[in-house]
Protein backbone atom coordinates (compact mmCIF):
# COMPACT_ATOMS: atom_id res chain seq x y z
CA MET A 1 31.99 31.22 31.52
CA CYS A 2 28.31 30.10 32.17
CA ASP A 3 28.52 27.59 28.85
CA ARG A 4 31.55 25.75 30.54
CA ARG A 5 30.00 25.47 33.22
CA LEU A 6 26.34 23.78 31.58
CA ALA A 7 28.90 22.16 30.05
CA LEU A 8 29.85 20.36 33.14
CA LEU A 9 27.27 19.80 34.23
CA TRP A 10 25.63 18.07 31.72
CA PHE A 11 29.13 15.69 32.34
CA LEU A 12 28.26 15.23 35.42
CA LEU A 13 24.49 14.06 35.04
CA LEU A 14 24.61 12.18 31.87
CA PRO A 15 25.29 8.90 34.08
CA LEU A 16 22.32 8.95 36.16
CA LEU A 17 19.97 9.83 32.90
CA PRO A 18 18.17 6.75 31.99
CA ALA A 19 19.25 4.21 29.63
CA CYS A 20 16.21 5.40 27.25
CA SER A 21 16.54 5.98 23.10
CA LEU A 22 14.06 8.45 21.21
CA ILE A 23 14.88 5.67 17.92
CA PRO A 24 13.10 2.68 19.14
CA THR A 25 14.66 -0.31 18.60
CA GLN A 26 13.95 -3.68 16.68
CA GLN A 27 12.93 -5.23 20.02
CA GLN A 28 10.08 -1.75 21.17
CA ALA A 29 9.45 -1.99 17.01
CA LEU A 30 8.23 -5.98 17.88
CA GLU A 31 6.65 -6.57 21.23
CA ASP A 32 4.19 -8.70 19.86
CA PHE A 33 6.46 -10.75 18.72
CA PRO A 34 8.80 -12.78 21.41
CA ALA A 35 11.97 -12.01 21.39
CA ASP A 36 12.97 -15.31 21.12
CA ALA A 37 10.72 -15.98 17.94
CA LEU A 38 12.25 -13.10 16.32
CA GLN A 39 16.07 -14.64 16.79
CA GLN A 40 14.72 -18.10 15.39
CA VAL A 41 13.26 -16.01 11.96
CA ARG A 42 16.76 -14.51 11.71
CA GLN A 43 18.22 -18.10 12.19
CA GLN A 44 15.59 -19.61 9.61
CA SER A 45 16.84 -16.72 7.07
CA ALA A 46 19.97 -17.26 7.63
CA GLU A 47 19.95 -20.94 7.01
CA LEU A 48 17.88 -20.75 4.08
CA GLY A 49 20.12 -18.15 2.14
CA ARG A 50 23.32 -20.80 2.90
CA LEU A 51 21.10 -23.64 1.71
CA GLN A 52 20.02 -21.47 -1.26
CA ASN A 53 23.59 -20.64 -2.43
CA LEU A 54 24.44 -24.42 -2.42
CA ALA A 55 25.64 -25.19 -6.00
CA THR A 56 23.38 -28.77 -5.75
CA ALA A 57 21.27 -30.23 -2.77
CA THR A 58 20.22 -33.23 -1.73
CA PRO A 59 16.45 -34.41 -1.28
CA ALA A 60 16.42 -33.71 2.60
CA GLN A 61 17.91 -30.30 2.27
CA GLN A 62 15.29 -29.89 -0.62
CA GLN A 63 12.76 -30.12 2.29
CA GLN A 64 14.09 -28.25 4.24
CA ILE A 65 14.42 -25.34 1.82
CA LYS A 66 10.53 -26.04 1.40
CA GLN A 67 9.98 -25.95 5.62
CA LEU A 68 11.86 -22.63 5.62
CA HIS A 69 10.21 -20.86 3.25
CA SER A 70 6.91 -22.31 4.84
CA SER A 71 8.31 -21.10 7.94
CA LEU A 72 9.41 -17.74 6.83
CA ARG A 73 6.14 -16.91 4.85
CA GLN A 74 4.01 -17.69 8.34
CA PHE A 75 5.73 -14.88 9.70
CA GLU A 76 5.18 -12.88 6.83
CA ARG A 77 1.71 -13.27 7.21
CA ASN A 78 2.36 -12.54 10.92
CA VAL A 79 3.20 -9.49 10.82
CA ILE A 80 0.93 -8.46 8.18
CA HIS A 81 -2.15 -9.94 10.29
CA THR A 82 -0.58 -7.68 13.42
CA ALA A 83 0.07 -4.35 11.14
CA SER A 84 -3.14 -4.58 9.52
CA ARG A 85 -5.27 -4.72 12.95
CA LEU A 86 -3.12 -1.99 14.41
CA GLU A 87 -4.19 0.31 11.34
CA LYS A 88 -7.84 -0.48 12.15
CA GLN A 89 -7.50 0.67 15.25
CA ASP A 90 -6.16 3.97 14.45
CA ASP A 91 -2.46 3.23 15.22
CA TRP A 92 -0.75 3.75 12.24
CA HIS A 93 2.36 4.55 13.88
CA GLY A 94 2.43 0.81 15.28
CA ALA A 95 1.93 -0.52 12.22
CA GLU A 96 4.91 1.09 10.67
CA ARG A 97 6.70 0.52 13.60
CA VAL A 98 5.54 -3.39 12.88
CA LEU A 99 6.61 -3.39 9.32
CA GLN A 100 9.52 -1.52 9.17
CA GLY A 101 10.92 -4.20 11.94
CA ALA A 102 10.09 -7.08 10.51
CA LYS A 103 11.60 -5.63 7.09
CA ASP A 104 15.00 -5.10 8.94
CA ILE A 105 14.78 -8.95 9.66
CA LEU A 106 14.31 -9.98 6.35
CA PRO A 107 15.30 -7.58 4.15
CA GLN A 108 14.47 -9.74 1.04
CA SER A 109 10.99 -10.22 1.14
CA GLN A 110 8.91 -9.51 -1.56
CA ALA A 111 5.88 -9.98 0.52
CA LEU A 112 6.74 -7.36 3.28
CA TYR A 113 7.89 -4.78 1.06
CA SER A 114 4.57 -4.97 -1.02
CA ALA A 115 2.80 -4.92 2.20
CA HIS A 116 4.41 -2.02 3.67
CA GLN A 117 4.48 -0.43 0.47
CA GLN A 118 0.80 -0.43 0.30
CA PHE A 119 0.46 0.37 4.37
CA SER A 120 2.61 3.75 3.39
CA GLU A 121 -0.09 4.66 0.36
CA ARG A 122 -2.77 4.01 2.71
CA ARG A 123 -1.23 6.32 5.31
CA GLN A 124 -0.67 9.14 2.86
CA LEU A 125 -3.94 8.85 1.77
CA HIS A 126 -5.09 9.14 5.45
CA GLU A 127 -3.20 11.96 6.23
CA GLU A 128 -4.19 14.14 3.94
CA ARG A 129 -7.91 13.53 4.25
CA VAL A 130 -7.36 14.38 7.94
CA ARG A 131 -4.96 17.08 7.13
CA MET A 132 -8.61 18.48 4.72
CA GLU A 133 -10.88 17.90 7.56
CA LEU A 134 -8.64 19.79 9.99
CA ALA A 135 -8.07 22.67 7.22
CA ILE A 136 -12.65 22.37 6.78
CA HIS A 137 -12.30 22.90 10.80
CA ARG A 138 -10.47 25.91 10.42
CA GLY A 139 -12.67 27.24 7.87
CA GLU A 140 -15.89 26.69 9.76
CA GLN A 141 -14.68 28.69 12.61
CA LEU A 142 -13.67 31.73 10.39
CA LEU A 143 -16.96 31.34 8.69
CA LYS A 144 -18.19 31.36 12.54
CA ASP A 145 -16.06 34.29 13.51
CA ALA A 146 -17.55 36.79 10.10
CA GLU A 147 -20.79 35.85 11.82
CA THR A 148 -19.88 37.37 15.05
CA TYR A 149 -18.45 40.49 13.44
CA GLN A 150 -21.95 41.11 11.89
CA ARG A 151 -23.99 40.88 13.93
CA LEU A 152 -21.03 43.14 16.64
CA GLN A 153 -21.54 45.64 13.49
CA GLN A 154 -25.37 45.29 13.51
CA LEU A 155 -25.43 46.65 17.15
CA LYS A 156 -22.13 48.72 17.45
CA GLY A 157 -21.92 50.23 13.86
CA PRO A 158 -19.43 49.69 11.04
CA ASP A 159 -16.18 50.83 13.75
CA VAL A 160 -16.16 48.18 16.02
CA LEU A 161 -13.56 46.55 14.39
CA THR A 162 -10.35 48.89 13.35
CA TRP A 163 -9.41 48.71 9.95
CA LEU A 164 -5.95 46.99 10.58
CA GLU A 165 -8.52 43.98 12.29
CA LEU A 166 -10.55 44.08 9.35
CA GLN A 167 -7.15 43.57 6.86
CA ASN A 168 -5.83 40.53 9.57
CA PHE A 169 -9.43 39.07 8.87
CA HIS A 170 -9.61 39.17 5.64
CA ARG A 171 -6.10 37.95 4.93
CA LYS A 172 -6.84 34.99 7.49
CA CYS A 173 -9.85 34.34 5.14
CA ARG A 174 -8.35 34.31 1.73
CA GLY A 175 -5.13 32.17 3.29
CA SER A 176 -7.80 29.34 4.73
CA ALA A 177 -10.04 29.69 1.54
CA GLN A 178 -6.80 28.84 -1.07
CA ALA A 179 -5.58 26.18 1.02
CA LEU A 180 -8.96 24.54 1.17
CA GLN A 181 -8.78 24.34 -2.64
CA GLN A 182 -5.59 23.00 -2.45
CA HIS A 183 -6.72 20.43 -0.36
CA ALA A 184 -10.04 20.03 -2.59
CA GLN A 185 -8.06 19.68 -5.49
CA GLN A 186 -5.85 16.77 -4.23
CA ALA A 187 -9.21 15.35 -3.05
CA LEU A 188 -10.56 15.11 -7.03
CA GLN A 189 -7.57 13.37 -7.63
CA ARG A 190 -7.98 10.90 -5.47
CA GLU A 191 -11.58 10.82 -6.12
CA ASP A 192 -13.05 11.70 -2.70
CA TYR A 193 -15.87 13.79 -4.14
CA THR A 194 -17.54 14.39 -0.85
CA LEU A 195 -14.94 15.80 0.93
CA ALA A 196 -13.77 18.17 -2.16
CA GLN A 197 -17.27 19.51 -2.60
CA ARG A 198 -17.31 20.35 1.61
CA GLY A 199 -14.25 22.23 1.00
CA LEU A 200 -15.09 24.22 -1.91
CA LYS A 201 -18.34 25.39 -0.82
CA ILE A 202 -16.59 26.54 2.03
CA ALA A 203 -13.57 28.17 0.35
CA ARG A 204 -16.54 29.92 -2.22
CA ARG A 205 -17.78 31.50 0.86
CA LEU A 206 -14.24 32.62 2.92
CA TYR A 207 -13.12 34.28 -0.31
CA GLY A 208 -16.64 36.34 -0.17
CA SER A 209 -16.64 39.43 -2.77
CA ASP A 210 -12.75 38.83 -3.33
CA LEU A 211 -14.43 36.00 -6.38
CA LEU A 212 -16.33 39.09 -8.18
CA GLN A 213 -13.35 40.75 -8.19
CA ASP A 214 -10.87 37.91 -9.22
CA GLU A 215 -12.90 35.91 -12.87
CA ASN A 216 -10.18 33.14 -13.06
CA GLN A 217 -9.94 31.96 -9.41
CA ARG A 218 -14.02 31.76 -9.63
CA GLU A 219 -14.02 30.20 -12.67
CA LYS A 220 -11.68 27.76 -11.44
CA ILE A 221 -13.31 27.07 -7.76
CA ASP A 222 -16.76 26.69 -9.93
CA GLN A 223 -15.05 23.71 -12.33
CA ASP A 224 -13.88 22.06 -9.20
CA LEU A 225 -17.35 22.20 -7.72
CA ALA A 226 -18.69 21.30 -10.81
CA LEU A 227 -16.59 18.18 -11.43
CA ALA A 228 -17.72 17.25 -7.84
CA ASN A 229 -21.44 17.68 -7.70
CA ARG A 230 -21.28 15.97 -11.12
CA GLN A 231 -20.15 12.76 -9.90
CA LEU A 232 -22.07 12.94 -6.78
CA ARG A 233 -24.89 13.19 -8.56
CA PRO A 234 -26.90 9.82 -8.39
CA THR A 235 -26.57 7.97 -11.33
CA LYS A 236 -30.11 6.58 -12.96
CA ARG A 237 -30.74 2.70 -12.81
CA HIS A 238 -30.76 0.65 -15.84
CA PRO A 239 -33.41 -2.09 -16.26
CA ALA A 240 -32.06 -5.26 -15.70
CA GLY A 241 -31.88 -6.60 -19.28
CA ASP A 242 -29.64 -3.73 -19.95
CA SER A 243 -26.64 -4.16 -21.85
CA GLN A 244 -24.43 -3.59 -19.00
CA LYS A 245 -25.56 -6.58 -17.75
CA LYS A 246 -25.68 -8.39 -21.46
CA ASP A 247 -21.60 -8.04 -21.04
CA ASN A 248 -21.76 -8.88 -17.99
CA GLN A 249 -22.58 -12.22 -18.83
CA ILE A 250 -20.25 -12.11 -21.77
CA LEU A 251 -17.26 -11.30 -19.29
CA VAL A 252 -18.82 -14.90 -16.91
CA ALA A 253 -18.77 -16.91 -20.03
CA GLU A 254 -15.40 -16.23 -21.11
CA VAL A 255 -14.28 -17.17 -17.79
CA GLN A 256 -15.86 -20.14 -17.80
CA GLN A 257 -15.05 -21.09 -20.96
CA ALA A 258 -10.92 -20.93 -20.18
CA LEU A 259 -11.43 -22.41 -17.27
CA ASP A 260 -12.55 -25.34 -18.33
CA ALA A 261 -10.08 -25.13 -21.02
CA GLY A 262 -7.21 -24.81 -18.57
CA ASP A 263 -6.23 -21.73 -20.45
CA LEU A 264 -5.42 -19.88 -16.51
CA LEU A 265 -3.92 -16.99 -18.57
CA GLY A 266 -7.18 -15.87 -20.38
CA ALA A 267 -9.21 -16.95 -17.57
CA ARG A 268 -7.57 -14.67 -15.58
CA HIS A 269 -7.46 -12.01 -17.73
CA HIS A 270 -11.22 -12.25 -18.58
CA LEU A 271 -11.64 -12.07 -14.40
CA ASN A 272 -9.84 -9.20 -13.71
CA ARG A 273 -12.18 -7.50 -16.35
CA LEU A 274 -15.19 -8.77 -14.62
CA GLN A 275 -13.77 -7.39 -11.23
CA GLN A 276 -13.34 -3.79 -12.83
CA GLU A 277 -16.69 -3.54 -14.64
CA SER A 278 -18.93 -5.38 -12.17
CA PRO A 279 -17.73 -5.67 -8.56
CA GLN A 280 -20.23 -7.03 -7.51
CA ASP A 281 -21.44 -9.82 -9.90
CA PRO A 282 -22.80 -12.29 -7.96
CA LEU A 283 -20.65 -14.99 -10.09
CA LEU A 284 -17.32 -12.97 -9.61
CA LEU A 285 -16.56 -14.99 -6.14
CA PRO A 286 -17.20 -18.75 -7.23
CA LEU A 287 -15.32 -17.72 -10.52
CA GLN A 288 -12.35 -16.45 -8.46
CA SER A 289 -12.38 -19.38 -6.20
CA GLN A 290 -12.63 -21.84 -9.15
CA PHE A 291 -9.11 -20.41 -10.35
CA ARG A 292 -7.64 -20.33 -7.24
CA THR A 293 -8.10 -23.81 -7.06
CA GLN A 294 -7.09 -24.79 -10.51
CA LEU A 295 -3.94 -22.28 -9.96
CA ASP A 296 -2.90 -24.28 -6.46
CA ALA A 297 -2.75 -27.25 -8.42
CA ARG A 298 -0.86 -26.59 -11.68
CA LEU A 299 1.33 -24.78 -9.19
CA GLU A 300 1.59 -28.08 -7.12
CA ALA A 301 1.88 -30.62 -10.20
CA ALA A 302 4.37 -27.99 -11.40
CA ILE A 303 6.94 -28.07 -8.78
CA LYS A 304 6.31 -31.76 -8.17
CA ARG A 305 7.39 -32.30 -11.69
CA GLY A 306 10.08 -29.94 -12.08
CA ASN A 307 11.35 -31.26 -8.55
CA ASP A 308 11.68 -34.85 -10.45
CA LEU A 309 13.09 -33.96 -13.41
CA TYR A 310 15.53 -32.09 -11.79
CA SER A 311 16.58 -34.84 -9.48
CA GLU A 312 16.64 -37.39 -12.21
CA GLY A 313 19.63 -34.72 -13.49
CA LYS A 314 17.19 -32.59 -16.06
CA ILE A 315 18.08 -29.10 -15.03
CA GLU A 316 17.09 -27.82 -18.24
CA ARG A 317 13.50 -29.44 -18.83
CA ALA A 318 13.01 -28.45 -15.32
CA VAL A 319 13.38 -24.85 -15.14
CA GLU A 320 10.92 -24.78 -18.34
CA ILE A 321 8.51 -26.33 -16.35
CA TRP A 322 9.27 -23.96 -13.77
CA ARG A 323 9.06 -20.86 -16.25
CA GLU A 324 5.71 -21.82 -17.74
CA ALA A 325 4.49 -22.08 -14.32
CA LYS A 326 5.95 -18.76 -13.13
CA ALA A 327 3.50 -17.29 -15.68
CA LEU A 328 1.13 -17.95 -13.88
CA ASP A 329 1.99 -16.74 -10.40
CA PRO A 330 5.16 -14.50 -11.13
CA GLU A 331 5.87 -14.04 -6.95
CA ASN A 332 5.78 -17.50 -6.04
CA VAL A 333 8.73 -17.56 -3.97
CA GLU A 334 9.18 -21.22 -4.41
CA LEU A 335 9.73 -21.08 -8.09
CA LEU A 336 11.55 -18.22 -7.45
CA THR A 337 13.85 -20.23 -5.48
CA ASN A 338 14.03 -23.45 -7.80
CA ILE A 339 14.29 -21.56 -10.43
CA ALA A 340 17.70 -19.61 -9.32
CA ARG A 341 19.04 -22.65 -7.88
CA ALA A 342 18.77 -24.58 -11.14
CA GLU A 343 20.61 -21.53 -12.73
CA LYS A 344 23.62 -21.74 -10.85
CA VAL A 345 23.84 -24.98 -11.61
CA LEU A 346 23.68 -24.85 -14.72
CA GLU A 347 26.05 -21.92 -14.82
CA ASN A 348 28.73 -24.54 -12.96
CA LEU A 349 28.66 -26.88 -15.29
CA LYS A 350 28.73 -24.69 -18.45
CA ALA A 351 31.85 -23.19 -16.16
CA LEU A 352 33.61 -27.27 -15.89
CA SER A 353 32.22 -28.02 -19.32
CA ALA A 354 34.32 -25.52 -20.83
CA PRO A 355 37.42 -26.16 -22.77
CA THR A 356 41.02 -25.87 -19.69
CA GLY A 357 42.12 -22.49 -21.65
CA ALA A 358 38.80 -21.03 -21.98
CA ARG A 359 37.65 -21.36 -17.82
CA PRO A 360 38.11 -17.93 -16.19
């Protein structure tokens, strides 16, 4: 009877409740962007999809496709910039909502997908670090409690704690030590050696005499702590003329030779090696800038050459030019769009040229 009354009361009060939802709407998720701008992005995306599905596109439509691509890429950059700003302000939830809301508007956007994936990885690492810091704080508090109990024993004698209280306290210490050890192993995997070292040192103290009885546990924690200590040990500086510097000079020379020869694939390979082995090399940024300039010029020329061939009806040759350029920049949206459109035209032409009986 009571349940029926509560159900009736809830039914009567429901219309009086504010019209709100615990689930963030798309407008809430993208509150930094005007509603009319979001509507425009949706319309541009729909129009771009329609144009890309055309068997052939007029020069005016090709220009419109290019403009739509540019506009949508600008929206992607604005979203990623906004999410980055929120992340720097430690508003991780807000950044997640912005990226997810933008992905809902442009579900096919590779840039937004990649940005969201990278953001999720950073947030996961940050969460692991925060949780470990919390575990360290709990462990430090237990160590302070242990010191306090020891002072009480000095004042009142060994029976200041009952057997049950003492067992409960030891259980908490062991649980905290085990949690810290697990967090430390994760920190070692992500190469966060300073935090791992802090956690392992506290875990050793929390285990106390238990480590003397458990040889395997003692060996494991000693190994992890030795690894952290070894990685944090200051490295000796090499003299100016050592082999590392010579290797860097060789890499720099190889990058420059590849750029001079127009071998952008080779230049990218050598640049990646230089960045991995010597990220502070003063020549790295100038070489990267030189590479980017050449790459942009090469891509622009390839896209224009392909467009000219496409307009002349030399579609297969246009596709070859675009594919060669795609090897230099696999994520280039304009190249991917041109190739997909041309391949669809070639398929249609092949179907039209097939004998009547062979057509599907």
